[in-house]
Structures are given as C-alpha cells and as structure tokens.
C-alpha cells in the first residue's frame, strides 16, 4: 500500500502523481493530461472555491 500525504500533493504534485501511478503500474508515457488536471481548480465557479 502506498501512502500519499496531502502536503505532498500540494508541494510536489507532479512527483507525487508519478509515484502513485507508478505504484499502480498505470504510468502513461504522456503525463500532459495529468499535469493539466493537477493545476486546475476543480471547484472554480462554485461556492466552495
């Protein structure tokens, strides 16, 4: 089992995503979509943002 700390997501999102996907044997050759998702505010335009 891999443990992902929220602070790691915040401070090193790319490296954390690569570690998590690698652990799951699900590491794509092109991580562009992953990186774009990590920089997007998923709650933009809602009362939560």
PDB file of N, CA and C in Angstrom:
ATOM      1  N   UNK A   1       0.841  -1.167   0.000  1.00  0.00           N
ATOM      2  CA  UNK A   1       0.000   0.000   0.000  1.00  0.00           C
ATOM      3  C   UNK A   1       0.891   1.237   0.000  1.00  0.00           C
ATOM      4  N   UNK A   2       0.487   2.216  -0.767  1.00  0.00           N
ATOM      5  CA  UNK A   2       1.222   3.484  -0.814  1.00  0.00           C
ATOM      6  C   UNK A   2       0.442   4.534  -0.029  1.00  0.00           C
ATOM      7  N   UNK A   3       1.154   5.320   0.714  1.00  0.00           N
ATOM      8  CA  UNK A   3       0.534   6.417   1.463  1.00  0.00           C
ATOM      9  C   UNK A   3       0.876   7.728   0.771  1.00  0.00           C
ATOM     10  N   UNK A   4      -0.147   8.499   0.463  1.00  0.00           N
ATOM     11  CA  UNK A   4       0.038   9.802  -0.174  1.00  0.00           C
ATOM     12  C   UNK A   4      -0.389  10.878   0.820  1.00  0.00           C
ATOM     13  N   UNK A   5       0.518  11.736   1.163  1.00  0.00           N
ATOM     14  CA  UNK A   5       0.197  12.827   2.089  1.00  0.00           C
ATOM     15  C   UNK A   5      -0.330  14.026   1.299  1.00  0.00           C
ATOM     16  N   UNK A   6      -1.346  14.663   1.862  1.00  0.00           N
ATOM     17  CA  UNK A   6      -1.910  15.850   1.225  1.00  0.00           C
ATOM     18  C   UNK A   6      -0.834  16.913   1.026  1.00  0.00           C
ATOM     19  N   UNK A   7       0.034  17.055   1.987  1.00  0.00           N
ATOM     20  CA  UNK A   7       1.096  18.065   1.871  1.00  0.00           C
ATOM     21  C   UNK A   7       2.004  17.772   0.675  1.00  0.00           C
ATOM     22  N   UNK A   8       2.202  16.500   0.342  1.00  0.00           N
ATOM     23  CA  UNK A   8       2.993  16.149  -0.841  1.00  0.00           C
ATOM     24  C   UNK A   8       2.266  16.537  -2.118  1.00  0.00           C
ATOM     25  N   UNK A   9       0.942  16.312  -2.144  1.00  0.00           N
ATOM     26  CA  UNK A   9       0.148  16.730  -3.313  1.00  0.00           C
ATOM     27  C   UNK A   9       0.296  18.226  -3.529  1.00  0.00           C
ATOM     28  N   UNK A  10       0.272  18.986  -2.443  1.00  0.00           N
ATOM     29  CA  UNK A  10       0.342  20.445  -2.538  1.00  0.00           C
ATOM     30  C   UNK A  10       1.743  20.925  -2.917  1.00  0.00           C
ATOM     31  N   UNK A  11       2.763  20.338  -2.338  1.00  0.00           N
ATOM     32  CA  UNK A  11       4.118  20.827  -2.568  1.00  0.00           C
ATOM     33  C   UNK A  11       4.801  20.229  -3.793  1.00  0.00           C
ATOM     34  N   UNK A  12       4.481  18.986  -4.134  1.00  0.00           N
ATOM     35  CA  UNK A  12       5.120  18.299  -5.259  1.00  0.00           C
ATOM     36  C   UNK A  12       4.091  17.474  -6.035  1.00  0.00           C
ATOM     37  N   UNK A  13       3.119  18.135  -6.666  1.00  0.00           N
ATOM     38  CA  UNK A  13       2.039  17.378  -7.292  1.00  0.00           C
ATOM     39  C   UNK A  13       2.503  16.450  -8.423  1.00  0.00           C
ATOM     40  N   UNK A  14       3.427  16.892  -9.235  1.00  0.00           N
ATOM     41  CA  UNK A  14       3.873  16.054 -10.360  1.00  0.00           C
ATOM     42  C   UNK A  14       4.607  14.809  -9.879  1.00  0.00           C
ATOM     43  N   UNK A  15       5.539  15.009  -8.965  1.00  0.00           N
ATOM     44  CA  UNK A  15       6.315  13.887  -8.457  1.00  0.00           C
ATOM     45  C   UNK A  15       5.416  12.901  -7.704  1.00  0.00           C
ATOM     46  N   UNK A  16       4.446  13.428  -6.971  1.00  0.00           N
ATOM     47  CA  UNK A  16       3.528  12.577  -6.223  1.00  0.00           C
ATOM     48  C   UNK A  16       2.648  11.775  -7.163  1.00  0.00           C
ATOM     49  N   UNK A  17       2.169  12.413  -8.227  1.00  0.00           N
ATOM     50  CA  UNK A  17       1.343  11.711  -9.213  1.00  0.00           C
ATOM     51  C   UNK A  17       2.135  10.599  -9.897  1.00  0.00           C
ATOM     52  N   UNK A  18       3.373  10.868 -10.249  1.00  0.00           N
ATOM     53  CA  UNK A  18       4.215   9.854 -10.887  1.00  0.00           C
ATOM     54  C   UNK A  18       4.445   8.686  -9.940  1.00  0.00           C
ATOM     55  N   UNK A  19       4.705   8.975  -8.673  1.00  0.00           N
ATOM     56  CA  UNK A  19       4.918   7.905  -7.696  1.00  0.00           C
ATOM     57  C   UNK A  19       3.667   7.053  -7.539  1.00  0.00           C
ATOM     58  N   UNK A  20       2.507   7.702  -7.442  1.00  0.00           N
ATOM     59  CA  UNK A  20       1.254   6.979  -7.264  1.00  0.00           C
ATOM     60  C   UNK A  20       0.924   6.130  -8.495  1.00  0.00           C
ATOM     61  N   UNK A  21       1.038   6.715  -9.676  1.00  0.00           N
ATOM     62  CA  UNK A  21       0.726   5.970 -10.897  1.00  0.00           C
ATOM     63  C   UNK A  21       1.728   4.843 -11.133  1.00  0.00           C
ATOM     64  N   UNK A  22       2.990   5.090 -10.809  1.00  0.00           N
ATOM     65  CA  UNK A  22       3.996   4.037 -10.931  1.00  0.00           C
ATOM     66  C   UNK A  22       3.717   2.881  -9.988  1.00  0.00           C
ATOM     67  N   UNK A  23       3.305   3.188  -8.779  1.00  0.00           N
ATOM     68  CA  UNK A  23       2.965   2.155  -7.808  1.00  0.00           C
ATOM     69  C   UNK A  23       1.830   1.273  -8.330  1.00  0.00           C
ATOM     70  N   UNK A  24       0.885   1.896  -9.026  1.00  0.00           N
ATOM     71  CA  UNK A  24      -0.274   1.162  -9.559  1.00  0.00           C
ATOM     72  C   UNK A  24       0.005   0.502 -10.909  1.00  0.00           C
ATOM     73  N   UNK A  25       1.251   0.605 -11.385  1.00  0.00           N
ATOM     74  CA  UNK A  25       1.595   0.105 -12.728  1.00  0.00           C
ATOM     75  C   UNK A  25       0.685   0.701 -13.788  1.00  0.00           C
ATOM     76  N   UNK A  26       0.421   1.993 -13.653  1.00  0.00           N
ATOM     77  CA  UNK A  26      -0.506   2.685 -14.539  1.00  0.00           C
ATOM     78  C   UNK A  26       0.117   4.003 -14.993  1.00  0.00           C
ATOM     79  N   UNK A  27       1.404   3.992 -15.247  1.00  0.00           N
ATOM     80  CA  UNK A  27       2.120   5.209 -15.599  1.00  0.00           C
ATOM     81  C   UNK A  27       2.089   5.409 -17.112  1.00  0.00           C
ATOM     82  N   UNK A  28       1.315   6.398 -17.598  1.00  0.00           N
ATOM     83  CA  UNK A  28       1.254   6.638 -19.042  1.00  0.00           C
ATOM     84  C   UNK A  28       2.554   7.269 -19.536  1.00  0.00           C
ATOM     85  N   UNK A  29       2.821   7.128 -20.811  1.00  0.00           N
ATOM     86  CA  UNK A  29       4.039   7.713 -21.375  1.00  0.00           C
ATOM     87  C   UNK A  29       3.913   9.236 -21.493  1.00  0.00           C
ATOM     88  N   UNK A  30       2.690   9.725 -21.627  1.00  0.00           N
ATOM     89  CA  UNK A  30       2.444  11.164 -21.722  1.00  0.00           C
ATOM     90  C   UNK A  30       1.599  11.598 -20.527  1.00  0.00           C
ATOM     91  N   UNK A  31       2.180  12.394 -19.677  1.00  0.00           N
ATOM     92  CA  UNK A  31       1.503  12.831 -18.457  1.00  0.00           C
ATOM     93  C   UNK A  31       0.880  14.225 -18.594  1.00  0.00           C
ATOM     94  N   UNK A  32       0.764  14.737 -19.802  1.00  0.00           N
ATOM     95  CA  UNK A  32       0.237  16.084 -20.013  1.00  0.00           C
ATOM     96  C   UNK A  32      -1.140  16.260 -19.388  1.00  0.00           C
ATOM     97  N   UNK A  33      -2.055  15.343 -19.634  1.00  0.00           N
ATOM     98  CA  UNK A  33      -3.415  15.449 -19.094  1.00  0.00           C
ATOM     99  C   UNK A  33      -3.402  15.400 -17.571  1.00  0.00           C
ATOM    100  N   UNK A  34      -2.533  14.592 -17.008  1.00  0.00           N
ATOM    101  CA  UNK A  34      -2.428  14.505 -15.548  1.00  0.00           C
ATOM    102  C   UNK A  34      -1.960  15.845 -14.993  1.00  0.00           C
ATOM    103  N   UNK A  35      -0.930  16.427 -15.591  1.00  0.00           N
ATOM    104  CA  UNK A  35      -0.393  17.692 -15.110  1.00  0.00           C
ATOM    105  C   UNK A  35      -1.415  18.814 -15.268  1.00  0.00           C
ATOM    106  N   UNK A  36      -2.157  18.826 -16.370  1.00  0.00           N
ATOM    107  CA  UNK A  36      -3.186  19.846 -16.567  1.00  0.00           C
ATOM    108  C   UNK A  36      -4.279  19.726 -15.510  1.00  0.00           C
ATOM    109  N   UNK A  37      -4.641  18.518 -15.160  1.00  0.00           N
ATOM    110  CA  UNK A  37      -5.663  18.301 -14.141  1.00  0.00           C
ATOM    111  C   UNK A  37      -5.177  18.766 -12.783  1.00  0.00           C
ATOM    112  N   UNK A  38      -3.916  18.550 -12.480  1.00  0.00           N
ATOM    113  CA  UNK A  38      -3.371  18.948 -11.179  1.00  0.00           C
ATOM    114  C   UNK A  38      -3.328  20.462 -11.000  1.00  0.00           C
ATOM    115  N   UNK A  39      -3.279  21.214 -12.095  1.00  0.00           N
ATOM    116  CA  UNK A  39      -3.202  22.671 -11.988  1.00  0.00           C
ATOM    117  C   UNK A  39      -4.567  23.340 -12.077  1.00  0.00           C
ATOM    118  N   UNK A  40      -5.606  22.574 -12.347  1.00  0.00           N
ATOM    119  CA  UNK A  40      -6.954  23.125 -12.496  1.00  0.00           C
ATOM    120  C   UNK A  40      -7.682  23.124 -11.149  1.00  0.00           C
ATOM    121  N   UNK A  41      -8.391  24.214 -10.868  1.00  0.00           N
ATOM    122  CA  UNK A  41      -9.215  24.302  -9.661  1.00  0.00           C
ATOM    123  C   UNK A  41     -10.541  23.615  -9.950  1.00  0.00           C
ATOM    124  N   UNK A  42     -10.736  22.434  -9.398  1.00  0.00           N
ATOM    125  CA  UNK A  42     -11.938  21.645  -9.681  1.00  0.00           C
ATOM    126  C   UNK A  42     -13.194  22.264  -9.094  1.00  0.00           C
ATOM    127  N   UNK A  43     -13.026  23.226  -8.199  1.00  0.00           N
ATOM    128  CA  UNK A  43     -14.182  23.854  -7.571  1.00  0.00           C
ATOM    129  C   UNK A  43     -14.384  25.286  -8.055  1.00  0.00           C
ATOM    130  N   UNK A  44     -13.677  25.681  -9.109  1.00  0.00           N
ATOM    131  CA  UNK A  44     -13.809  27.038  -9.642  1.00  0.00           C
ATOM    132  C   UNK A  44     -15.253  27.285 -10.060  1.00  0.00           C
ATOM    133  N   UNK A  45     -15.754  28.450  -9.690  1.00  0.00           N
ATOM    134  CA  UNK A  45     -17.095  28.837 -10.055  1.00  0.00           C
ATOM    135  C   UNK A  45     -18.187  28.289  -9.129  1.00  0.00           C
ATOM    136  N   UNK A  46     -17.786  27.598  -8.073  1.00  0.00           N
ATOM    137  CA  UNK A  46     -18.757  27.083  -7.111  1.00  0.00           C
ATOM    138  C   UNK A  46     -18.650  27.883  -5.817  1.00  0.00           C
ATOM    139  N   UNK A  47     -19.561  27.661  -4.934  1.00  0.00           N
ATOM    140  CA  UNK A  47     -19.500  28.366  -3.653  1.00  0.00           C
ATOM    141  C   UNK A  47     -18.359  27.861  -2.770  1.00  0.00           C
ATOM    142  N   UNK A  48     -17.717  26.776  -3.180  1.00  0.00           N
ATOM    143  CA  UNK A  48     -16.617  26.191  -2.403  1.00  0.00           C
ATOM    144  C   UNK A  48     -15.253  26.782  -2.767  1.00  0.00           C
ATOM    145  N   UNK A  49     -15.175  27.485  -3.886  1.00  0.00           N
ATOM    146  CA  UNK A  49     -13.858  27.980  -4.309  1.00  0.00           C
ATOM    147  C   UNK A  49     -13.526  29.321  -3.720  1.00  0.00           C
TER     148      UNK A  49
END
